[in-house]
C-alpha atoms as a PDB file:
ATOM      1  CA  MET A   1     114.056 112.870 101.853  1.00  0.00           C
ATOM      2  CA  LEU A   2     110.710 114.299 101.354  1.00  0.00           C
ATOM      3  CA  SER A   3     107.548 112.313 101.688  1.00  0.00           C
ATOM      4  CA  ALA A   4     103.870 113.331 100.431  1.00  0.00           C
ATOM      5  CA  ILE A   5     100.521 112.467 102.090  1.00  0.00           C
ATOM      6  CA  ALA A   6      97.284 113.345 100.009  1.00  0.00           C
ATOM      7  CA  GLY A   7      93.613 113.175  99.830  1.00  0.00           C
ATOM      8  CA  VAL A   8      91.096 114.773  97.087  1.00  0.00           C
ATOM      9  CA  THR A   9      87.260 115.637  97.322  1.00  0.00           C
ATOM     10  CA  TRP A  10      85.015 116.793  94.683  1.00  0.00           C
ATOM     11  CA  TRP A  11      86.280 120.253  94.836  1.00  0.00           C
ATOM     12  CA  ASN A  12      89.756 120.182  97.206  1.00  0.00           C
ATOM     13  CA  PHE A  13      93.133 118.805  97.085  1.00  0.00           C
ATOM     14  CA  TYR A  14      94.691 118.099 100.350  1.00  0.00           C
ATOM     15  CA  PHE A  15      98.352 117.314 100.947  1.00  0.00           C
ATOM     16  CA  ARG A  16     101.084 117.268 104.000  1.00  0.00           C
ATOM     17  CA  LEU A  17     104.739 116.998 103.563  1.00  0.00           C
ATOM     18  CA  PHE A  18     106.489 115.109 106.052  1.00  0.00           C
ATOM     19  CA  PRO A  19     110.468 114.938 106.477  1.00  0.00           C
ATOM     20  CA  GLY A  20     111.584 111.187 105.923  1.00  0.00           C
ATOM     21  CA  ALA A  21     109.291 107.992 105.766  1.00  0.00           C
ATOM     22  CA  ILE A  22     105.537 108.244 106.346  1.00  0.00           C
ATOM     23  CA  ARG A  23     104.458 105.959 109.168  1.00  0.00           C
ATOM     24  CA  SER A  24     101.567 105.292 111.301  1.00  0.00           C
ATOM     25  CA  PRO A  25     101.956 108.552 113.441  1.00  0.00           C
ATOM     26  CA  GLN A  26     101.820 111.047 110.125  1.00  0.00           C
ATOM     27  CA  ILE A  27      98.774 108.546 108.529  1.00  0.00           C
ATOM     28  CA  ILE A  28      96.910 108.875 111.809  1.00  0.00           C
ATOM     29  CA  GLU A  29      98.111 112.473 112.164  1.00  0.00           C
ATOM     30  CA  PHE A  30      96.522 113.654 108.690  1.00  0.00           C
ATOM     31  CA  LEU A  31      93.730 111.342 108.792  1.00  0.00           C
ATOM     32  CA  SER A  32      92.537 113.267 112.260  1.00  0.00           C
ATOM     33  CA  HIS A  33      92.994 116.544 110.448  1.00  0.00           C
ATOM     34  CA  ARG A  34      90.996 115.665 107.301  1.00  0.00           C
ATOM     35  CA  LEU A  35      88.037 114.192 109.596  1.00  0.00           C
ATOM     36  CA  ARG A  36      87.932 117.266 112.034  1.00  0.00           C
ATOM     37  CA  HIS A  37      87.487 119.674 108.562  1.00  0.00           C
ATOM     38  CA  ILE A  38      85.574 117.338 105.820  1.00  0.00           C
ATOM     39  CA  PRO A  39      81.987 116.598 106.799  1.00  0.00           C
ATOM     40  CA  GLY A  40      80.742 113.128 106.207  1.00  0.00           C
ATOM     41  CA  LYS A  41      82.801 109.847 105.588  1.00  0.00           C
ATOM     42  CA  LEU A  42      86.081 109.589 104.156  1.00  0.00           C
ATOM     43  CA  LEU A  43      86.851 106.433 101.464  1.00  0.00           C
ATOM     44  CA  ILE A  44      90.778 105.777 102.015  1.00  0.00           C
ATOM     45  CA  VAL A  45      92.947 103.992  99.670  1.00  0.00           C
ATOM     46  CA  TRP A  46      95.595 102.436 100.679  1.00  0.00           C
ATOM     47  CA  ASP A  47      98.366 100.922  98.527  1.00  0.00           C
ATOM     48  CA  GLY A  48      99.678  98.587 101.037  1.00  0.00           C
ATOM     49  CA  LEU A  49     103.178 100.402 102.348  1.00  0.00           C
ATOM     50  CA  PRO A  50     103.823  99.226 106.092  1.00  0.00           C
ATOM     51  CA  GLY A  51     102.105 102.396 107.765  1.00  0.00           C
ATOM     52  CA  HIS A  52      99.051 101.724 106.028  1.00  0.00           C
ATOM     53  CA  ARG A  53      99.244  98.008 107.207  1.00  0.00           C
ATOM     54  CA  SER A  54     100.094  98.834 110.778  1.00  0.00           C
ATOM     55  CA  ARG A  55      97.693  97.846 113.894  1.00  0.00           C
ATOM     56  CA  ALA A  56      97.882 102.023 115.226  1.00  0.00           C
ATOM     57  CA  GLY A  57      96.471 102.635 112.266  1.00  0.00           C
ATOM     58  CA  TRP A  58      93.624  99.928 111.671  1.00  0.00           C
ATOM     59  CA  ASP A  59      92.884 100.857 115.327  1.00  0.00           C
ATOM     60  CA  PHE A  60      92.492 104.555 114.627  1.00  0.00           C
ATOM     61  CA  VAL A  61      90.215 103.762 111.613  1.00  0.00           C
ATOM     62  CA  GLN A  62      87.969 101.504 113.742  1.00  0.00           C
ATOM     63  CA  GLN A  63      87.797 104.286 116.464  1.00  0.00           C
ATOM     64  CA  GLN A  64      86.207 106.637 114.065  1.00  0.00           C
ATOM     65  CA  ARG A  65      82.843 104.412 114.035  1.00  0.00           C
ATOM     66  CA  GLY A  66      82.158 104.372 110.582  1.00  0.00           C
ATOM     67  CA  ARG A  67      83.808 107.704 109.276  1.00  0.00           C
ATOM     68  CA  ALA A  68      86.764 106.607 107.777  1.00  0.00           C
ATOM     69  CA  GLY A  69      86.229 103.612 105.676  1.00  0.00           C
ATOM     70  CA  GLY A  70      85.117 102.106 102.264  1.00  0.00           C
ATOM     71  CA  TRP A  71      88.476 100.551 102.016  1.00  0.00           C
ATOM     72  CA  SER A  72      90.176 100.207  98.694  1.00  0.00           C
ATOM     73  CA  PHE A  73      93.637  98.475  98.100  1.00  0.00           C
ATOM     74  CA  SER A  74      95.474  98.782  95.473  1.00  0.00           C
ATOM     75  CA  ARG A  75      99.065  97.338  94.375  1.00  0.00           C
ATOM     76  CA  PRO A  76     102.648  99.407  95.583  1.00  0.00           C
ATOM     77  CA  MET A  77     103.625 101.874  93.180  1.00  0.00           C
ATOM     78  CA  ARG A  78     107.451 100.653  91.977  1.00  0.00           C
ATOM     79  CA  ARG A  79     110.142 103.006  91.812  1.00  0.00           C
ATOM     80  CA  ASN A  80     112.370 103.020  88.640  1.00  0.00           C
END
């Protein structure tokens, strides 16, 4: 199985592929890289997956002191 995590700005589309399911460490790695290379704040859209609700992920965001925020929660996508 191959999983993708993605982000978008007005001008660019960023993504990263990971083998297996995406969990907290992969989310933190992706966000860390984006925070190093994108100036300003990040708006993160979570879809309710377990890795998005993890303590490690929330702790990481809190450590960013306002650079990552503006939360928007949506419903998880359903597989057909």
